[in-house]
Protein backbone atom coordinates (compact mmCIF):
# COMPACT_ATOMS: atom_id res chain seq x y z
CA UNK A 1 -12.47 -72.12 164.72
CA UNK A 2 -16.00 -71.93 166.08
CA UNK A 3 -15.81 -68.10 165.81
CA UNK A 4 -15.96 -68.48 162.00
CA UNK A 5 -19.76 -68.43 162.13
CA UNK A 6 -19.63 -64.92 163.55
CA UNK A 7 -17.46 -63.61 160.72
CA UNK A 8 -18.42 -62.47 157.21
CA UNK A 9 -17.15 -64.56 154.36
CA UNK A 10 -14.94 -61.60 153.35
CA UNK A 11 -13.39 -61.62 156.86
CA UNK A 12 -12.68 -65.31 156.69
CA UNK A 13 -11.07 -64.92 153.29
CA UNK A 14 -8.84 -62.12 154.78
CA UNK A 15 -7.84 -64.50 157.60
CA UNK A 16 -6.89 -67.16 155.10
CA UNK A 17 -4.70 -64.62 153.23
CA UNK A 18 -3.07 -63.74 156.56
CA UNK A 19 -2.28 -67.40 157.22
CA UNK A 20 -4.41 -67.68 160.36
CA UNK A 21 -5.84 -70.82 158.84
CA UNK A 22 -5.90 -72.41 155.38
CA UNK A 23 -8.81 -73.10 153.06
CA UNK A 24 -8.73 -76.85 153.74
CA UNK A 25 -9.34 -76.14 157.40
CA UNK A 26 -12.19 -73.80 156.52
CA UNK A 27 -13.78 -76.32 154.16
CA UNK A 28 -13.52 -79.07 156.78
CA UNK A 29 -15.05 -76.84 159.42
CA UNK A 30 -18.10 -76.05 157.37
CA UNK A 31 -18.42 -79.63 156.09
CA UNK A 32 -18.44 -80.92 159.63
CA UNK A 33 -21.14 -78.36 160.57
CA UNK A 34 -23.28 -79.55 157.64
CA UNK A 35 -22.86 -83.18 158.71
CA UNK A 36 -23.78 -82.38 162.28
CA UNK A 37 -26.63 -79.86 161.90
CA UNK A 38 -28.16 -80.38 158.49
CA UNK A 39 -29.96 -83.70 159.35
CA UNK A 40 -32.48 -81.57 161.33
CA UNK A 41 -32.85 -79.05 158.47
CA UNK A 42 -32.45 -80.92 155.27
CA UNK A 43 -31.10 -77.89 153.43
CA UNK A 44 -28.58 -79.88 151.39
CA UNK A 45 -29.27 -82.36 148.62
CA UNK A 46 -25.66 -83.48 148.27
CA UNK A 47 -22.58 -82.68 150.31
CA UNK A 48 -19.18 -83.05 148.55
CA UNK A 49 -16.45 -84.69 150.54
CA UNK A 50 -13.90 -82.91 148.40
CA UNK A 51 -14.51 -79.39 147.07
CA UNK A 52 -15.34 -78.73 143.48
CA UNK A 53 -12.85 -75.99 142.64
CA UNK A 54 -10.07 -74.85 140.36
CA UNK A 55 -7.26 -72.40 140.56
CA UNK A 56 -8.45 -68.78 140.71
CA UNK A 57 -8.30 -65.60 142.65
CA UNK A 58 -10.78 -63.11 144.08
CA UNK A 59 -11.60 -61.37 147.35
CA UNK A 60 -13.46 -64.54 148.33
CA UNK A 61 -10.75 -67.11 147.32
CA UNK A 62 -10.67 -70.20 149.48
CA UNK A 63 -14.24 -70.01 150.79
CA UNK A 64 -16.89 -72.74 150.51
CA UNK A 65 -20.16 -71.96 148.68
CA UNK A 66 -23.37 -73.94 148.15
CA UNK A 67 -25.25 -74.02 144.91
CA UNK A 68 -28.95 -74.55 144.28
CA UNK A 69 -29.85 -77.96 142.74
CA UNK A 70 -30.93 -76.46 139.44
CA UNK A 71 -27.58 -75.02 138.49
CA UNK A 72 -25.25 -77.34 136.53
CA UNK A 73 -21.92 -78.50 137.99
CA UNK A 74 -20.02 -80.69 135.65
CA UNK A 75 -19.80 -84.32 136.81
CA UNK A 76 -22.26 -83.82 139.63
CA UNK A 77 -25.91 -84.76 140.01
CA UNK A 78 -28.40 -82.10 139.15
CA UNK A 79 -31.98 -83.16 139.96
CA UNK A 80 -33.98 -79.96 140.48
CA UNK A 81 -35.44 -81.85 143.47
CA UNK A 82 -37.44 -83.92 141.04
CA UNK A 83 -37.76 -87.72 140.63
CA UNK A 84 -37.64 -87.32 136.91
CA UNK A 85 -34.02 -86.17 137.17
CA UNK A 86 -32.99 -88.33 140.05
CA UNK A 87 -30.19 -90.04 138.18
CA UNK A 88 -29.08 -87.18 135.90
CA UNK A 89 -25.47 -85.88 136.01
CA UNK A 90 -24.54 -82.50 134.56
CA UNK A 91 -22.19 -82.69 131.58
CA UNK A 92 -21.08 -79.08 131.68
CA UNK A 93 -20.64 -76.17 134.15
CA UNK A 94 -23.11 -73.35 134.33
CA UNK A 95 -21.49 -70.07 133.49
CA UNK A 96 -22.00 -68.89 137.07
CA UNK A 97 -20.29 -72.07 138.35
CA UNK A 98 -17.40 -71.53 135.95
CA UNK A 99 -17.02 -67.99 137.35
CA UNK A 100 -17.03 -69.36 140.95
CA UNK A 101 -14.25 -71.69 139.97
CA UNK A 102 -12.22 -68.90 138.35
CA UNK A 103 -12.65 -66.84 141.53
CA UNK A 104 -11.17 -69.59 143.67
CA UNK A 105 -14.31 -70.51 145.54
CA UNK A 106 -14.93 -74.10 146.67
CA UNK A 107 -18.32 -75.60 145.88
CA UNK A 108 -19.32 -77.69 148.93
CA UNK A 109 -22.63 -79.15 147.73
CA UNK A 110 -26.09 -78.60 146.27
CA UNK A 111 -29.09 -77.26 148.21
CA UNK A 112 -32.73 -78.34 148.41
CA UNK A 113 -35.49 -76.51 146.48
CA UNK A 114 -39.01 -76.72 145.35
CA UNK A 115 -39.27 -79.18 142.41
CA UNK A 116 -38.11 -77.29 139.29
CA UNK A 117 -38.37 -74.13 141.40
CA UNK A 118 -42.16 -74.36 141.46
CA UNK A 119 -43.14 -73.23 144.99
CA UNK A 120 -42.80 -70.74 147.84
CA UNK A 121 -41.99 -72.99 150.75
CA UNK A 122 -39.46 -75.79 149.63
CA UNK A 123 -42.16 -78.33 150.47
CA UNK A 124 -42.49 -79.42 146.88
CA UNK A 125 -39.21 -81.42 146.81
CA UNK A 126 -38.75 -85.11 146.22
CA UNK A 127 -36.35 -85.03 149.14
CA UNK A 128 -38.91 -83.63 151.56
CA UNK A 129 -39.22 -80.10 152.99
CA UNK A 130 -36.35 -78.00 154.29
CA UNK A 131 -37.02 -76.74 157.83
CA UNK A 132 -36.44 -73.23 159.06
CA UNK A 133 -33.43 -72.92 161.46
CA UNK A 134 -35.32 -70.36 163.50
CA UNK A 135 -38.21 -72.79 164.09
CA UNK A 136 -38.03 -76.29 162.57
CA UNK A 137 -41.83 -76.55 162.55
CA UNK A 138 -41.95 -73.80 159.92
CA UNK A 139 -41.06 -73.45 156.24
CA UNK A 140 -38.01 -71.71 154.81
CA UNK A 141 -39.77 -70.11 151.81
CA UNK A 142 -39.00 -71.04 148.27
CA UNK A 143 -37.93 -72.07 145.87
CA UNK A 144 -34.29 -71.30 146.98
CA UNK A 145 -35.19 -72.42 150.56
CA UNK A 146 -32.28 -74.79 150.95
CA UNK A 147 -29.73 -72.07 150.07
CA UNK A 148 -31.41 -69.60 152.45
CA UNK A 149 -31.57 -72.07 155.34
CA UNK A 150 -27.94 -73.15 154.90
CA UNK A 151 -26.73 -69.53 155.03
CA UNK A 152 -28.99 -68.62 157.92
CA UNK A 153 -27.74 -71.60 159.90
CA UNK A 154 -24.16 -70.63 159.03
CA UNK A 155 -23.56 -74.02 157.31
CA UNK A 156 -21.94 -72.01 154.55
CA UNK A 157 -20.91 -68.33 154.32
CA UNK A 158 -23.05 -67.91 151.22
CA UNK A 159 -24.95 -69.62 148.43
CA UNK A 160 -26.41 -69.24 144.98
CA UNK A 161 -30.08 -69.41 144.29
CA UNK A 162 -32.39 -68.60 141.41
CA UNK A 163 -35.29 -66.10 141.39
CA UNK A 164 -38.21 -66.36 139.03
CA UNK A 165 -40.87 -64.57 141.13
CA UNK A 166 -39.16 -63.99 144.47
CA UNK A 167 -37.46 -67.35 144.95
CA UNK A 168 -34.32 -65.77 146.40
CA UNK A 169 -35.88 -62.84 148.24
CA UNK A 170 -38.90 -64.56 149.88
CA UNK A 171 -36.81 -67.37 151.52
CA UNK A 172 -34.20 -64.81 152.48
CA UNK A 173 -36.91 -62.89 154.33
CA UNK A 174 -38.25 -65.93 156.10
CA UNK A 175 -34.75 -67.05 157.14
CA UNK A 176 -33.27 -63.64 158.08
CA UNK A 177 -30.54 -63.31 155.43
CA UNK A 178 -29.75 -61.14 152.43
CA UNK A 179 -31.15 -62.38 149.06
CA UNK A 180 -30.33 -60.41 145.95
CA UNK A 181 -32.05 -60.73 142.58
CA UNK A 182 -29.95 -58.95 139.95
CA UNK A 183 -31.37 -57.22 136.90
CA UNK A 184 -32.51 -59.68 134.28
CA UNK A 185 -29.54 -60.30 132.01
CA UNK A 186 -26.81 -59.28 134.41
CA UNK A 187 -26.00 -62.92 135.46
CA UNK A 188 -25.79 -65.52 132.73
CA UNK A 189 -28.60 -68.15 132.73
CA UNK A 190 -26.46 -70.61 130.81
CA UNK A 191 -26.50 -73.86 132.85
CA UNK A 192 -29.57 -72.85 134.88
CA UNK A 193 -32.40 -75.33 134.27
CA UNK A 194 -35.15 -73.11 132.95
CA UNK A 195 -38.46 -72.48 134.75
CA UNK A 196 -39.62 -69.18 133.20
CA UNK A 197 -37.00 -68.08 130.63
CA UNK A 198 -38.06 -64.48 130.59
CA UNK A 199 -38.12 -64.28 134.40
CA UNK A 200 -35.31 -66.49 135.83
CA UNK A 201 -32.20 -64.92 137.30
CA UNK A 202 -29.34 -66.38 139.39
CA UNK A 203 -28.33 -64.38 142.47
CA UNK A 204 -26.50 -64.54 145.79
CA UNK A 205 -27.77 -65.32 149.25
CA UNK A 206 -25.47 -64.04 152.01
CA UNK A 207 -25.65 -62.80 155.59
CA UNK A 208 -24.48 -59.22 154.80
CA UNK A 209 -23.99 -56.73 151.99
CA UNK A 210 -20.15 -56.94 152.00
CA UNK A 211 -20.32 -60.57 150.95
CA UNK A 212 -23.21 -59.83 148.59
CA UNK A 213 -21.22 -57.15 146.75
CA UNK A 214 -18.14 -59.33 146.45
CA UNK A 215 -20.15 -62.30 145.22
CA UNK A 216 -21.94 -60.15 142.67
CA UNK A 217 -18.46 -59.06 141.39
CA UNK A 218 -17.77 -62.76 140.77
CA UNK A 219 -21.00 -63.87 138.97
CA UNK A 220 -21.98 -60.76 137.02
CA UNK A 221 -20.40 -61.00 133.56
CA UNK A 222 -21.59 -60.75 129.92
CA UNK A 223 -21.79 -64.22 128.37
CA UNK A 224 -22.10 -65.08 124.70
CA UNK A 225 -23.55 -68.48 125.65
CA UNK A 226 -26.63 -66.73 126.83
CA UNK A 227 -28.61 -64.79 124.29
CA UNK A 228 -30.38 -62.78 127.08
CA UNK A 229 -27.09 -61.72 128.73
CA UNK A 230 -26.58 -57.96 128.85
CA UNK A 231 -23.53 -56.83 126.95
CA UNK A 232 -22.31 -54.06 129.30
CA UNK A 233 -19.40 -53.28 131.57
CA UNK A 234 -20.07 -54.46 135.05
CA UNK A 235 -19.05 -52.03 137.82
CA UNK A 236 -17.13 -52.99 140.99
CA UNK A 237 -20.04 -53.42 143.42
CA UNK A 238 -17.78 -53.07 146.47
CA UNK A 239 -17.37 -49.40 145.64
CA UNK A 240 -21.11 -49.05 146.62
CA UNK A 241 -20.40 -50.16 150.15
CA UNK A 242 -20.86 -46.57 151.43
CA UNK A 243 -22.54 -45.32 154.56
CA UNK A 244 -23.70 -42.01 153.17
CA UNK A 245 -27.19 -42.28 151.68
CA UNK A 246 -28.46 -38.70 152.46
CA UNK A 247 -30.56 -37.18 149.74
CA UNK A 248 -31.65 -40.48 148.08
CA UNK A 249 -35.34 -40.74 147.29
CA UNK A 250 -37.22 -43.90 148.23
CA UNK A 251 -40.75 -44.51 146.99
CA UNK A 252 -43.37 -46.20 149.12
CA UNK A 253 -46.05 -47.79 146.91
CA UNK A 254 -49.41 -47.48 148.66
CA UNK A 255 -50.56 -50.77 147.06
CA UNK A 256 -47.85 -52.71 149.03
CA UNK A 257 -49.01 -51.48 152.42
CA UNK A 258 -52.70 -52.27 152.00
CA UNK A 259 -54.88 -55.08 153.32
CA UNK A 260 -53.23 -58.49 153.73
CA UNK A 261 -50.02 -57.30 155.32
CA UNK A 262 -49.41 -58.85 158.72
CA UNK A 263 -49.26 -56.09 161.45
CA UNK A 264 -45.96 -57.37 162.80
CA UNK A 265 -44.41 -57.25 159.39
CA UNK A 266 -45.66 -53.68 158.89
CA UNK A 267 -44.25 -52.69 162.27
CA UNK A 268 -40.77 -54.03 161.40
CA UNK A 269 -40.79 -52.37 157.94
CA UNK A 270 -41.96 -49.07 159.42
CA UNK A 271 -39.00 -49.30 161.84
CA UNK A 272 -36.65 -49.75 158.89
CA UNK A 273 -38.23 -46.69 157.18
CA UNK A 274 -37.58 -44.67 160.40
CA UNK A 275 -33.94 -45.71 160.38
CA UNK A 276 -33.52 -44.54 156.79
CA UNK A 277 -35.21 -41.25 157.64
CA UNK A 278 -32.63 -40.68 160.37
CA UNK A 279 -30.03 -41.04 157.60
CA UNK A 280 -31.76 -38.20 155.76
CA UNK A 281 -33.29 -40.35 153.07
CA UNK A 282 -36.40 -38.69 151.56
CA UNK A 283 -39.54 -40.83 151.28
CA UNK A 284 -42.26 -40.23 148.68
CA UNK A 285 -45.59 -41.99 148.39
CA UNK A 286 -46.04 -43.46 144.95
CA UNK A 287 -48.59 -45.62 143.22
CA UNK A 288 -48.10 -48.81 141.17
CA UNK A 289 -51.76 -49.37 140.13
CA UNK A 290 -51.15 -52.50 138.00
CA UNK A 291 -49.82 -54.28 141.08
CA UNK A 292 -53.26 -55.83 141.68
CA UNK A 293 -52.87 -57.85 138.48
CA UNK A 294 -49.28 -59.00 139.20
CA UNK A 295 -50.01 -62.35 140.72
CA UNK A 296 -52.40 -63.41 137.94
CA UNK A 297 -50.13 -62.13 135.25
CA UNK A 298 -47.06 -63.84 136.72
CA UNK A 299 -48.73 -67.26 137.09
CA UNK A 300 -50.03 -67.24 133.51
CA UNK A 301 -46.68 -66.18 131.99
CA UNK A 302 -44.49 -68.34 134.33
CA UNK A 303 -46.63 -71.43 133.92
CA UNK A 304 -46.82 -70.99 130.15
CA UNK A 305 -43.04 -70.79 129.90
CA UNK A 306 -42.69 -73.65 132.37
CA UNK A 307 -45.05 -75.83 130.27
CA UNK A 308 -42.83 -75.17 127.19
CA UNK A 309 -39.53 -75.70 129.01
CA UNK A 310 -40.57 -78.95 130.70
CA UNK A 311 -41.55 -80.61 127.39
CA UNK A 312 -37.99 -81.83 127.19
CA UNK A 313 -38.53 -84.17 130.15
CA UNK A 314 -40.21 -86.97 128.24
CA UNK A 315 -38.40 -90.17 129.37
CA UNK A 316 -36.49 -90.38 126.13
CA UNK A 317 -33.39 -88.11 126.22
CA UNK A 318 -32.50 -88.28 129.90
CA UNK A 319 -33.97 -88.73 133.36
CA UNK A 320 -36.59 -91.23 134.55
CA UNK A 321 -38.01 -93.63 132.00
CA UNK A 322 -41.03 -95.73 132.86
CA UNK A 323 -41.39 -98.92 130.70
CA UNK A 324 -44.55 -98.82 128.55
CA UNK A 325 -46.16 -100.56 125.54
CA UNK A 326 -46.20 -97.56 123.28
CA UNK A 327 -44.33 -94.24 122.76
CA UNK A 328 -47.32 -92.19 123.86
CA UNK A 329 -47.72 -94.29 126.97
CA UNK A 330 -44.03 -93.99 127.78
CA UNK A 331 -44.33 -90.17 127.65
CA UNK A 332 -47.36 -90.21 129.84
CA UNK A 333 -46.17 -92.68 132.44
CA UNK A 334 -42.70 -91.18 132.74
CA UNK A 335 -44.05 -87.74 133.33
CA UNK A 336 -46.81 -89.00 135.61
CA UNK A 337 -44.30 -90.88 137.81
CA UNK A 338 -41.53 -88.33 137.56
CA UNK A 339 -43.32 -85.04 138.20
CA UNK A 340 -44.84 -84.00 141.57
CA UNK A 341 -48.28 -82.45 142.01
CA UNK A 342 -47.21 -78.78 141.86
CA UNK A 343 -45.29 -79.36 138.65
CA UNK A 344 -48.26 -81.05 137.06
CA UNK A 345 -50.53 -78.25 138.20
CA UNK A 346 -48.37 -75.59 136.59
CA UNK A 347 -47.83 -77.61 133.38
CA UNK A 348 -51.66 -77.96 133.05
CA UNK A 349 -52.20 -74.28 133.70
CA UNK A 350 -49.50 -73.21 131.25
CA UNK A 351 -50.58 -75.65 128.51
CA UNK A 352 -54.16 -74.38 128.87
CA UNK A 353 -53.06 -70.73 128.68
CA UNK A 354 -51.16 -71.47 125.42
CA UNK A 355 -53.74 -73.67 123.80
CA UNK A 356 -55.72 -72.76 120.67
CA UNK A 357 -58.64 -70.53 121.52
CA UNK A 358 -57.19 -69.39 124.92
CA UNK A 359 -53.83 -67.96 123.92
CA UNK A 360 -55.33 -64.50 123.22
CA UNK A 361 -57.53 -64.59 126.30
CA UNK A 362 -54.79 -65.48 128.73
CA UNK A 363 -51.17 -65.52 127.63
CA UNK A 364 -51.32 -62.64 125.21
CA UNK A 365 -53.40 -60.51 127.63
CA UNK A 366 -50.88 -61.35 130.41
CA UNK A 367 -48.07 -60.05 128.21
CA UNK A 368 -49.97 -56.76 127.76
CA UNK A 369 -50.52 -56.44 131.50
CA UNK A 370 -46.84 -57.17 132.09
CA UNK A 371 -46.03 -54.11 129.96
CA UNK A 372 -48.38 -51.99 132.09
CA UNK A 373 -46.55 -53.20 135.24
CA UNK A 374 -43.25 -52.15 133.66
CA UNK A 375 -44.70 -48.76 132.73
CA UNK A 376 -45.77 -48.22 136.36
CA UNK A 377 -42.24 -48.74 137.46
CA UNK A 378 -40.76 -46.56 134.73
CA UNK A 379 -43.00 -43.72 135.81
CA UNK A 380 -42.22 -44.20 139.52
CA UNK A 381 -38.47 -44.11 138.83
CA UNK A 382 -38.76 -40.66 137.31
CA UNK A 383 -39.59 -39.55 140.86
CA UNK A 384 -37.52 -41.82 143.10
CA UNK A 385 -34.20 -43.65 143.08
CA UNK A 386 -35.36 -46.86 144.86
CA UNK A 387 -38.71 -48.40 145.93
CA UNK A 388 -39.16 -49.91 149.40
CA UNK A 389 -41.72 -52.58 150.20
CA UNK A 390 -42.22 -55.54 152.56
CA UNK A 391 -40.74 -58.74 151.14
CA UNK A 392 -43.37 -61.17 152.38
CA UNK A 393 -46.85 -60.49 153.77
CA UNK A 394 -46.17 -62.91 156.65
CA UNK A 395 -43.29 -64.48 158.53
CA UNK A 396 -42.53 -68.19 158.03
CA UNK A 397 -45.72 -70.22 158.25
CA UNK A 398 -45.94 -73.74 159.52
CA UNK A 399 -45.00 -76.72 157.40
CA UNK A 400 -48.12 -78.12 155.79
CA UNK A 401 -50.18 -75.08 156.60
CA UNK A 402 -50.69 -74.05 152.97
CA UNK A 403 -50.00 -77.19 150.95
CA UNK A 404 -53.71 -77.75 150.29
CA UNK A 405 -54.31 -74.08 149.48
CA UNK A 406 -52.30 -73.35 146.26
CA UNK A 407 -53.81 -69.90 145.75
CA UNK A 408 -52.88 -68.89 149.35
CA UNK A 409 -49.35 -70.20 148.76
CA UNK A 410 -49.12 -68.20 145.51
CA UNK A 411 -49.85 -64.97 147.43
CA UNK A 412 -46.68 -65.47 149.44
CA UNK A 413 -44.87 -63.89 146.50
CA UNK A 414 -47.29 -60.98 146.07
CA UNK A 415 -44.55 -58.32 146.85
CA UNK A 416 -41.69 -59.94 144.93
CA UNK A 417 -43.30 -60.96 141.57
CA UNK A 418 -43.44 -57.51 139.98
CA UNK A 419 -39.68 -56.99 139.95
CA UNK A 420 -39.31 -60.14 137.89
CA UNK A 421 -42.10 -59.17 135.48
CA UNK A 422 -40.37 -55.78 134.99
CA UNK A 423 -36.82 -57.27 134.85
CA UNK A 424 -35.63 -55.00 137.71
CA UNK A 425 -32.97 -55.62 140.44
CA UNK A 426 -34.29 -56.17 143.96
CA UNK A 427 -32.95 -57.30 147.38
CA UNK A 428 -34.43 -58.48 150.65
CA UNK A 429 -32.60 -58.07 153.95
CA UNK A 430 -33.54 -58.59 157.60
CA UNK A 431 -35.21 -55.72 159.44
CA UNK A 432 -36.58 -57.25 162.61
CA UNK A 433 -38.30 -60.19 164.24
CA UNK A 434 -41.91 -61.12 165.22
CA UNK A 435 -42.92 -61.85 168.76
CA UNK A 436 -42.33 -65.52 167.92
CA UNK A 437 -38.70 -64.67 167.08
CA UNK A 438 -39.21 -65.22 163.41
CA UNK A 439 -37.18 -63.03 160.93
CA UNK A 440 -38.85 -60.22 158.95
CA UNK A 441 -37.43 -58.92 155.66
CA UNK A 442 -37.70 -55.56 153.90
CA UNK A 443 -37.38 -55.31 150.10
CA UNK A 444 -35.68 -52.59 147.98
CA UNK A 445 -36.42 -52.58 144.22
CA UNK A 446 -34.04 -50.60 141.96
CA UNK A 447 -33.91 -49.40 138.38
CA UNK A 448 -32.52 -51.70 135.66
CA UNK A 449 -28.71 -52.24 136.33
CA UNK A 450 -28.72 -49.99 139.40
CA UNK A 451 -27.64 -52.72 141.78
CA UNK A 452 -25.26 -50.09 143.24
CA UNK A 453 -28.08 -48.09 144.84
CA UNK A 454 -29.50 -51.18 146.58
CA UNK A 455 -26.12 -52.22 147.93
CA UNK A 456 -25.40 -48.66 149.19
CA UNK A 457 -28.73 -48.43 151.01
CA UNK A 458 -28.53 -51.97 152.40
CA UNK A 459 -24.96 -51.57 153.59
CA UNK A 460 -25.85 -48.26 155.24
CA UNK A 461 -28.72 -49.93 157.01
CA UNK A 462 -26.62 -52.78 158.30
CA UNK A 463 -24.06 -50.30 159.65
CA UNK A 464 -26.48 -49.24 162.30
CA UNK A 465 -28.44 -52.44 162.95
CA UNK A 466 -27.56 -55.95 164.00
CA UNK A 467 -30.40 -58.04 162.68
CA UNK A 468 -28.04 -59.57 160.09
CA UNK A 469 -25.81 -60.76 162.86
CA UNK A 470 -28.42 -62.74 164.70
CA UNK A 471 -27.82 -66.56 164.52
CA UNK A 472 -30.63 -69.13 164.98
CA UNK A 473 -30.32 -71.05 168.25
CA UNK A 474 -30.07 -74.34 166.35
CA UNK A 475 -26.93 -73.11 164.57
CA UNK A 476 -25.26 -72.37 167.89
CA UNK A 477 -25.30 -76.07 168.91
CA UNK A 478 -21.81 -77.53 169.31
């Protein structure tokens, strides 16, 4: 069964249907791989000895899947990689988890992440950092780093992550896998522990676009439990798995190819552009002038929403409670002992931005700039079908390299943030390797609810390249 790591999840599901092996054998195979290989990666928070599943049917029926540790699974621990939730058990299923069960997938465990999804490297976790399977001295990106590392190392065929400012796409780039952020509202946020409520979106991490399309078919549904869920008919995304992309127009924003982009990253992205040109895709240079304000805008809005959302963790209702002599002291000590440094930093920033006298200067102004960013995209999409950019300005950096430089760390998401601010769909997929054999990702940004265009282009690209088939040496160990 060792050949399973060379197959797509869809191919494994087809073999199960044919009777070549059963789903119990497949689950045991991947569970044993996790037990054997994950101690050197730390991509998992919890591994389930028995699958969390229910009867259901889909093209992916019988396959194991991992879920990020901020998505509720009834009866299982959900900690968001934080000490403050170290003993908390979910009392209900997230809507996305419920859909996985109805599709017949088997949840195999939860994956590591930056605490409350605050980070770009999965170093801000109470469980310690997840290590990159391509080089265990380097980070995996964040905050969905555990999910990305697990898929890259073929510990699972695919996983769910969440994306607030690039938290699916950036780790996908650094680990050499496909990371898809659907349009805001396409996947229910019910049961996702909130970071930035106007930005968060659950999405799939896979090795290829066939699995990506099939998994999107499972989790994309309107949901009356989520007031931000889009009430529209969801298409069959597998119908977009087409190799013909001739005539499509792709925009190249000049602001994304300026100073700060590593030359090796640019070289790999340029090579991807050349491949699309051979497929008769038309490229047009465009401008997104408000891009220069995206990072500042994002961190004001995201931190403000995080400050509001994290008020519920007070040591009273659930989670860590530190004994104290007064109610106020209990609040302070519980939060001081339960939250890590990055969480505290963002709560301070968000509370300051929302405070009396500063609201108009920071939060309100950020909301106005967010609208300008959206207008830039709206204008660009009158000229082009899709926008192409690098995913990350660098390949995976070394563990500890940026932990003392939060501003440098925040810039890791400079190319991914704008899609969240504008509520657009976006995907990262592998397009090459650096001279140190580290993966490089390229990003496609699409119009609202035009996931089909991204799948079509990504699938066409993977039809004539093999970067997505590369497996880290660590994952090949027997």
